Amino acid sequence: MANSHDESHTIDLKVEWEGELVHDQSYDLPADDPESKYLQEVTPEPTWPKETGDFTLSARSDGDSWQSVTPEDYDYPDCFAPNVMVDGLGLFGIGVLTTSKRCTDRDEYPLNGSTGNESATNGSVGNSSDIGD
């Protein structure tokens, strides 16, 4: 999760795996530092399984409306890497990369994953997903 806004934000993040809530936590993202070349980022500790399964990632900023994404929303891509972010204007959203080094280089990006099943028909993902990074 990243914040490029000049104000801090609280992000609520939920992960539902196979119909069970496996992650439900709030994160405080500090305001962007204009002196730094890096975004203010927080990476959640994974509390979801590493095996293949159906999941939904939901997030909201500062108690506003929830936004959700699933692999089904993107036709079950080989790579599914959600990115929760507050932009420089303070707008919140969840972007998804479907082709990313984060899905193939698991040693460098341990929270990221690929679906591992190109012919998936049920929203499955393999290993773990790039939730919030």
C-alpha atoms as a PDB file:
ATOM      1  CA  MET A   1       0.000   0.000   0.000  1.00  0.00           C
ATOM      2  CA  ALA A   2       1.333   3.428  -0.857  1.00  0.00           C
ATOM      3  CA  ASN A   3       0.520   7.062  -0.143  1.00  0.00           C
ATOM      4  CA  SER A   4       1.724   9.852  -2.421  1.00  0.00           C
ATOM      5  CA  HIS A   5      -0.608  12.454  -0.836  1.00  0.00           C
ATOM      6  CA  ASP A   6       0.716  15.204   1.441  1.00  0.00           C
ATOM      7  CA  GLU A   7      -1.637  14.040   4.227  1.00  0.00           C
ATOM      8  CA  SER A   8      -1.632  10.775   6.172  1.00  0.00           C
ATOM      9  CA  HIS A   9      -4.420   8.235   5.579  1.00  0.00           C
ATOM     10  CA  THR A  10      -5.816   5.191   7.338  1.00  0.00           C
ATOM     11  CA  ILE A  11      -6.397   2.180   5.087  1.00  0.00           C
ATOM     12  CA  ASP A  12      -8.689  -0.668   6.141  1.00  0.00           C
ATOM     13  CA  LEU A  13      -7.760  -3.898   4.353  1.00  0.00           C
ATOM     14  CA  LYS A  14      -9.718  -7.156   4.242  1.00  0.00           C
ATOM     15  CA  VAL A  15      -8.943 -10.410   2.467  1.00  0.00           C
ATOM     16  CA  GLU A  16     -11.628 -13.051   2.146  1.00  0.00           C
ATOM     17  CA  TRP A  17     -10.258 -16.474   1.188  1.00  0.00           C
ATOM     18  CA  GLU A  18     -12.599 -19.322   0.206  1.00  0.00           C
ATOM     19  CA  GLY A  19     -15.460 -17.423   1.875  1.00  0.00           C
ATOM     20  CA  GLU A  20     -13.566 -16.904   5.153  1.00  0.00           C
ATOM     21  CA  LEU A  21     -12.240 -13.560   6.390  1.00  0.00           C
ATOM     22  CA  VAL A  22      -8.494 -14.171   6.833  1.00  0.00           C
ATOM     23  CA  HIS A  23      -7.219 -10.595   7.062  1.00  0.00           C
ATOM     24  CA  ASP A  24      -8.923  -7.573   8.622  1.00  0.00           C
ATOM     25  CA  GLN A  25      -6.603  -4.798   9.683  1.00  0.00           C
ATOM     26  CA  SER A  26      -6.154  -1.027   9.545  1.00  0.00           C
ATOM     27  CA  TYR A  27      -2.909   0.620   8.483  1.00  0.00           C
ATOM     28  CA  ASP A  28      -1.764   4.202   8.979  1.00  0.00           C
ATOM     29  CA  LEU A  29       0.035   5.497   5.907  1.00  0.00           C
ATOM     30  CA  PRO A  30       2.188   8.550   6.690  1.00  0.00           C
ATOM     31  CA  ALA A  31       1.989  11.676   4.538  1.00  0.00           C
ATOM     32  CA  ASP A  32       4.241  11.757   1.498  1.00  0.00           C
ATOM     33  CA  ASP A  33       7.618  13.347   2.121  1.00  0.00           C
ATOM     34  CA  PRO A  34       8.393  15.720  -0.773  1.00  0.00           C
ATOM     35  CA  GLU A  35      12.098  15.522   0.143  1.00  0.00           C
ATOM     36  CA  SER A  36      12.145  11.760  -0.447  1.00  0.00           C
ATOM     37  CA  LYS A  37      12.222  10.047  -3.819  1.00  0.00           C
ATOM     38  CA  TYR A  38      10.265   7.122  -2.312  1.00  0.00           C
ATOM     39  CA  LEU A  39       6.547   6.766  -1.621  1.00  0.00           C
ATOM     40  CA  GLN A  40       5.289   6.185   1.897  1.00  0.00           C
ATOM     41  CA  GLU A  41       4.509   2.456   1.786  1.00  0.00           C
ATOM     42  CA  VAL A  42       3.236  -0.217   4.144  1.00  0.00           C
ATOM     43  CA  THR A  43       3.312  -3.933   3.319  1.00  0.00           C
ATOM     44  CA  PRO A  44       0.870  -6.110   5.279  1.00  0.00           C
ATOM     45  CA  GLU A  45       2.043  -9.358   6.831  1.00  0.00           C
ATOM     46  CA  PRO A  46       0.245 -12.114   4.913  1.00  0.00           C
ATOM     47  CA  THR A  47      -2.407 -13.918   6.949  1.00  0.00           C
ATOM     48  CA  TRP A  48      -3.873 -15.679   3.914  1.00  0.00           C
ATOM     49  CA  PRO A  49      -2.936 -19.163   2.674  1.00  0.00           C
ATOM     50  CA  LYS A  50      -0.203 -19.719   0.099  1.00  0.00           C
ATOM     51  CA  GLU A  51      -2.109 -22.409  -1.761  1.00  0.00           C
ATOM     52  CA  THR A  52      -4.526 -21.835  -4.632  1.00  0.00           C
ATOM     53  CA  GLY A  53      -7.987 -20.559  -3.725  1.00  0.00           C
ATOM     54  CA  ASP A  54     -10.739 -18.019  -4.352  1.00  0.00           C
ATOM     55  CA  PHE A  55     -10.206 -14.615  -2.767  1.00  0.00           C
ATOM     56  CA  THR A  56     -11.469 -11.056  -2.635  1.00  0.00           C
ATOM     57  CA  LEU A  57      -9.331  -8.104  -1.595  1.00  0.00           C
ATOM     58  CA  SER A  58     -11.306  -5.157  -0.181  1.00  0.00           C
ATOM     59  CA  ALA A  59      -9.945  -1.829   1.014  1.00  0.00           C
ATOM     60  CA  ARG A  60     -11.072   1.663   1.924  1.00  0.00           C
ATOM     61  CA  SER A  61      -9.427   4.915   2.912  1.00  0.00           C
ATOM     62  CA  ASP A  62     -10.377   6.930   5.986  1.00  0.00           C
ATOM     63  CA  GLY A  63     -13.674   5.084   6.516  1.00  0.00           C
ATOM     64  CA  ASP A  64     -15.043   5.819   3.026  1.00  0.00           C
ATOM     65  CA  SER A  65     -16.734   3.262   0.750  1.00  0.00           C
ATOM     66  CA  TRP A  66     -15.135  -0.148   0.276  1.00  0.00           C
ATOM     67  CA  GLN A  67     -13.551  -1.081  -3.054  1.00  0.00           C
ATOM     68  CA  SER A  68     -12.947  -4.731  -3.953  1.00  0.00           C
ATOM     69  CA  VAL A  69     -11.062  -6.709  -6.580  1.00  0.00           C
ATOM     70  CA  THR A  70     -10.933 -10.387  -7.501  1.00  0.00           C
ATOM     71  CA  PRO A  71      -9.044 -12.320 -10.182  1.00  0.00           C
ATOM     72  CA  GLU A  72     -12.431 -12.869 -11.857  1.00  0.00           C
ATOM     73  CA  ASP A  73     -12.634  -9.096 -12.496  1.00  0.00           C
ATOM     74  CA  TYR A  74      -9.592  -9.512 -14.767  1.00  0.00           C
ATOM     75  CA  ASP A  75     -10.474 -12.829 -16.453  1.00  0.00           C
ATOM     76  CA  TYR A  76      -8.218 -14.873 -14.138  1.00  0.00           C
ATOM     77  CA  PRO A  77      -4.850 -13.589 -15.375  1.00  0.00           C
ATOM     78  CA  ASP A  78      -1.622 -15.530 -14.914  1.00  0.00           C
ATOM     79  CA  CYS A  79      -0.396 -12.641 -12.766  1.00  0.00           C
ATOM     80  CA  PHE A  80      -2.680 -10.776 -10.348  1.00  0.00           C
ATOM     81  CA  ALA A  81      -0.947  -8.056  -8.327  1.00  0.00           C
ATOM     82  CA  PRO A  82      -3.313  -5.614  -6.542  1.00  0.00           C
ATOM     83  CA  ASN A  83      -1.850  -2.277  -5.471  1.00  0.00           C
ATOM     84  CA  VAL A  84      -3.745  -0.222  -2.875  1.00  0.00           C
ATOM     85  CA  MET A  85      -2.864   3.462  -3.186  1.00  0.00           C
ATOM     86  CA  VAL A  86      -3.716   7.041  -2.273  1.00  0.00           C
ATOM     87  CA  ASP A  87      -2.541   9.332  -5.070  1.00  0.00           C
ATOM     88  CA  GLY A  88      -1.094  12.847  -4.886  1.00  0.00           C
ATOM     89  CA  LEU A  89      -4.589  14.377  -4.912  1.00  0.00           C
ATOM     90  CA  GLY A  90      -5.757  12.187  -2.032  1.00  0.00           C
ATOM     91  CA  LEU A  91      -7.823   9.907  -4.277  1.00  0.00           C
ATOM     92  CA  PHE A  92      -7.980   6.270  -3.219  1.00  0.00           C
ATOM     93  CA  GLY A  93      -8.037   3.226  -5.461  1.00  0.00           C
ATOM     94  CA  ILE A  94      -6.941  -0.335  -6.066  1.00  0.00           C
ATOM     95  CA  GLY A  95      -4.939  -0.893  -9.219  1.00  0.00           C
ATOM     96  CA  VAL A  96      -4.089  -4.343 -10.525  1.00  0.00           C
ATOM     97  CA  LEU A  97      -1.045  -5.348 -12.519  1.00  0.00           C
ATOM     98  CA  THR A  98      -1.594  -8.455 -14.622  1.00  0.00           C
ATOM     99  CA  THR A  99       1.946  -8.617 -15.975  1.00  0.00           C
ATOM    100  CA  SER A 100       4.577  -7.869 -13.394  1.00  0.00           C
ATOM    101  CA  LYS A 101       8.064  -8.846 -12.270  1.00  0.00           C
ATOM    102  CA  ARG A 102       6.465  -9.130  -8.842  1.00  0.00           C
ATOM    103  CA  CYS A 103       4.655 -12.261  -9.982  1.00  0.00           C
ATOM    104  CA  THR A 104       7.778 -14.016 -11.213  1.00  0.00           C
ATOM    105  CA  ASP A 105      10.510 -12.896  -8.823  1.00  0.00           C
ATOM    106  CA  ARG A 106       9.159 -14.263  -5.544  1.00  0.00           C
ATOM    107  CA  ASP A 107      12.478 -14.022  -3.698  1.00  0.00           C
ATOM    108  CA  GLU A 108      12.613 -10.263  -4.204  1.00  0.00           C
ATOM    109  CA  TYR A 109       8.859  -9.717  -3.706  1.00  0.00           C
ATOM    110  CA  PRO A 110       7.702 -12.406  -1.237  1.00  0.00           C
ATOM    111  CA  LEU A 111       4.097 -11.157  -0.960  1.00  0.00           C
ATOM    112  CA  ASN A 112       3.500 -11.274  -4.676  1.00  0.00           C
ATOM    113  CA  GLY A 113       2.183 -14.141  -6.687  1.00  0.00           C
ATOM    114  CA  SER A 114       0.756 -15.437  -9.898  1.00  0.00           C
ATOM    115  CA  THR A 115      -2.385 -17.407 -10.412  1.00  0.00           C
ATOM    116  CA  GLY A 116      -0.364 -20.432 -11.429  1.00  0.00           C
ATOM    117  CA  ASN A 117      -3.336 -21.809 -13.357  1.00  0.00           C
ATOM    118  CA  GLU A 118      -3.780 -20.215 -16.764  1.00  0.00           C
ATOM    119  CA  SER A 119      -7.085 -21.998 -17.340  1.00  0.00           C
ATOM    120  CA  ALA A 120      -8.609 -21.005 -14.000  1.00  0.00           C
ATOM    121  CA  THR A 121     -12.358 -20.673 -13.927  1.00  0.00           C
ATOM    122  CA  ASN A 122     -12.877 -19.961 -10.246  1.00  0.00           C
ATOM    123  CA  GLY A 123     -10.797 -16.942  -9.246  1.00  0.00           C
ATOM    124  CA  SER A 124      -7.924 -19.038  -8.039  1.00  0.00           C
ATOM    125  CA  VAL A 125      -4.499 -17.725  -7.289  1.00  0.00           C
ATOM    126  CA  GLY A 126      -1.336 -19.572  -6.485  1.00  0.00           C
ATOM    127  CA  ASN A 127       1.168 -19.000  -3.699  1.00  0.00           C
ATOM    128  CA  SER A 128       0.250 -15.534  -2.451  1.00  0.00           C
ATOM    129  CA  SER A 129      -0.939 -12.386  -4.118  1.00  0.00           C
ATOM    130  CA  ASP A 130       0.663  -8.971  -4.274  1.00  0.00           C
ATOM    131  CA  ILE A 131      -1.742  -7.542  -1.770  1.00  0.00           C
ATOM    132  CA  GLY A 132      -1.083  -3.992  -0.929  1.00  0.00           C
ATOM    133  CA  ASP A 133       2.501  -3.676  -2.000  1.00  0.00           C
END
